[in-house]
C-alpha atoms as a PDB file:
ATOM      1  CA  MET A   1      73.691 106.407 105.713  1.00  0.00           C
ATOM      2  CA  LEU A   2      73.927 108.449 102.544  1.00  0.00           C
ATOM      3  CA  GLU A   3      71.307 107.545  99.979  1.00  0.00           C
ATOM      4  CA  ILE A   4      71.987 108.020  96.273  1.00  0.00           C
ATOM      5  CA  LYS A   5      68.927 107.774  94.080  1.00  0.00           C
ATOM      6  CA  ILE A   6      69.365 107.076  90.388  1.00  0.00           C
ATOM      7  CA  ASN A   7      66.901 107.052  87.508  1.00  0.00           C
ATOM      8  CA  THR A   8      68.884 104.634  85.365  1.00  0.00           C
ATOM      9  CA  GLU A   9      69.308 100.869  85.479  1.00  0.00           C
ATOM     10  CA  PHE A  10      72.763 101.158  87.069  1.00  0.00           C
ATOM     11  CA  ILE A  11      75.682 103.459  87.858  1.00  0.00           C
ATOM     12  CA  ARG A  12      79.363 102.498  87.710  1.00  0.00           C
ATOM     13  CA  LEU A  13      81.083 102.200  91.072  1.00  0.00           C
ATOM     14  CA  ASP A  14      83.666 104.892  90.314  1.00  0.00           C
ATOM     15  CA  ALA A  15      80.943 107.293  89.131  1.00  0.00           C
ATOM     16  CA  LEU A  16      78.941 106.582  92.280  1.00  0.00           C
ATOM     17  CA  MET A  17      81.920 107.471  94.456  1.00  0.00           C
ATOM     18  CA  LYS A  18      82.296 110.781  92.598  1.00  0.00           C
ATOM     19  CA  LEU A  19      78.557 111.505  92.821  1.00  0.00           C
ATOM     20  CA  ALA A  20      78.585 110.801  96.557  1.00  0.00           C
ATOM     21  CA  GLY A  21      81.486 113.235  97.017  1.00  0.00           C
ATOM     22  CA  LEU A  22      83.892 110.597  98.332  1.00  0.00           C
ATOM     23  CA  VAL A  23      86.436 111.438  95.645  1.00  0.00           C
ATOM     24  CA  SER A  24      86.894 114.389  93.322  1.00  0.00           C
ATOM     25  CA  MET A  25      88.349 112.496  90.349  1.00  0.00           C
ATOM     26  CA  GLY A  26      87.946 109.064  88.818  1.00  0.00           C
ATOM     27  CA  GLY A  27      91.633 108.338  89.423  1.00  0.00           C
ATOM     28  CA  GLU A  28      91.068 108.628  93.164  1.00  0.00           C
ATOM     29  CA  ALA A  29      88.156 106.212  92.980  1.00  0.00           C
ATOM     30  CA  LYS A  30      90.279 103.776  90.968  1.00  0.00           C
ATOM     31  CA  HIS A  31      92.967 103.869  93.659  1.00  0.00           C
ATOM     32  CA  PHE A  32      90.550 103.178  96.549  1.00  0.00           C
ATOM     33  CA  ILE A  33      88.724 100.445  94.639  1.00  0.00           C
ATOM     34  CA  GLN A  34      91.815  98.613  93.372  1.00  0.00           C
ATOM     35  CA  ASP A  35      93.359  98.749  96.855  1.00  0.00           C
ATOM     36  CA  GLY A  36      90.372  96.768  98.173  1.00  0.00           C
ATOM     37  CA  GLN A  37      89.009  99.621 100.298  1.00  0.00           C
ATOM     38  CA  VAL A  38      85.476  99.483  98.902  1.00  0.00           C
ATOM     39  CA  LYS A  39      82.792  96.952  99.737  1.00  0.00           C
ATOM     40  CA  LEU A  40      79.697  96.108  97.727  1.00  0.00           C
ATOM     41  CA  ASN A  41      76.938  94.358  99.658  1.00  0.00           C
ATOM     42  CA  GLY A  42      79.451  93.323 102.313  1.00  0.00           C
ATOM     43  CA  GLU A  43      82.081  91.930  99.921  1.00  0.00           C
ATOM     44  CA  THR A  44      85.304  93.633  98.846  1.00  0.00           C
ATOM     45  CA  CYS A  45      84.950  94.925  95.288  1.00  0.00           C
ATOM     46  CA  VAL A  46      88.005  95.722  93.149  1.00  0.00           C
ATOM     47  CA  GLN A  47      86.181  96.395  89.857  1.00  0.00           C
ATOM     48  CA  ARG A  48      85.878 100.140  89.340  1.00  0.00           C
ATOM     49  CA  SER A  49      83.415  99.689  86.479  1.00  0.00           C
ATOM     50  CA  LYS A  50      81.193  97.367  88.532  1.00  0.00           C
ATOM     51  CA  LYS A  51      77.542  98.131  87.818  1.00  0.00           C
ATOM     52  CA  ILE A  52      75.813  99.300  90.989  1.00  0.00           C
ATOM     53  CA  ARG A  53      72.060  98.772  90.880  1.00  0.00           C
ATOM     54  CA  PRO A  54      69.178  99.958  93.050  1.00  0.00           C
ATOM     55  CA  GLY A  55      69.222  98.071  96.351  1.00  0.00           C
ATOM     56  CA  ASP A  56      73.006  97.669  96.447  1.00  0.00           C
ATOM     57  CA  ILE A  57      74.907  98.849  99.517  1.00  0.00           C
ATOM     58  CA  VAL A  58      78.383 100.331  99.033  1.00  0.00           C
ATOM     59  CA  GLY A  59      80.818 101.030 101.854  1.00  0.00           C
ATOM     60  CA  ALA A  60      84.370 102.316 102.079  1.00  0.00           C
ATOM     61  CA  LEU A  61      87.061 101.800 104.679  1.00  0.00           C
ATOM     62  CA  THR A  62      87.889 105.017 106.488  1.00  0.00           C
ATOM     63  CA  GLY A  63      91.107 106.317 107.931  1.00  0.00           C
ATOM     64  CA  GLU A  64      93.045 105.304 104.825  1.00  0.00           C
ATOM     65  CA  ASN A  65      94.250 107.532 102.011  1.00  0.00           C
ATOM     66  CA  GLY A  66      92.437 110.637 103.192  1.00  0.00           C
ATOM     67  CA  ILE A  67      88.873 109.332 103.523  1.00  0.00           C
ATOM     68  CA  SER A  68      87.637 110.328 106.964  1.00  0.00           C
ATOM     69  CA  GLY A  69      84.806 108.693 108.858  1.00  0.00           C
ATOM     70  CA  ASP A  70      82.595 111.776 108.621  1.00  0.00           C
ATOM     71  CA  GLN A  71      82.769 111.611 104.814  1.00  0.00           C
ATOM     72  CA  VAL A  72      81.362 108.145 104.379  1.00  0.00           C
ATOM     73  CA  GLY A  73      79.043 105.576 105.760  1.00  0.00           C
ATOM     74  CA  LYS A  74      77.001 103.089 103.837  1.00  0.00           C
ATOM     75  CA  ILE A  75      75.638 104.270 100.525  1.00  0.00           C
ATOM     76  CA  HIS A  76      72.268 102.851  99.562  1.00  0.00           C
ATOM     77  CA  VAL A  77      71.310 103.045  95.891  1.00  0.00           C
ATOM     78  CA  SER A  78      67.606 103.526  95.154  1.00  0.00           C
ATOM     79  CA  ASP A  79      65.754 103.845  91.889  1.00  0.00           C
ATOM     80  CA  ASN A  80      63.550 106.447  90.212  1.00  0.00           C
ATOM     81  CA  TRP A  81      65.141 109.513  91.768  1.00  0.00           C
ATOM     82  CA  SER A  82      68.054 111.877  91.370  1.00  0.00           C
ATOM     83  CA  TYR A  83      70.851 112.597  93.856  1.00  0.00           C
ATOM     84  CA  ASN A  84      69.587 113.479  97.339  1.00  0.00           C
ATOM     85  CA  SER A  85      71.582 113.815 100.550  1.00  0.00           C
END
């Protein structure tokens, strides 16, 4: 599991995907999210501007549109830190 630590109240889902290195541009994140390939706390999420808060778990379906299994697992968002892999 990749852990992303933030020092703000929330981070937008598309920004989180960029920060985690799952996508290189926001347009890529938009595509994955709107196609229903991203889950938030076990539920499909299609809102790219969804506010992700500490304690949330984000996952992405692999094998589709160029995301490979070694690039992603669950992403846990924690508070009071900066990015750490």
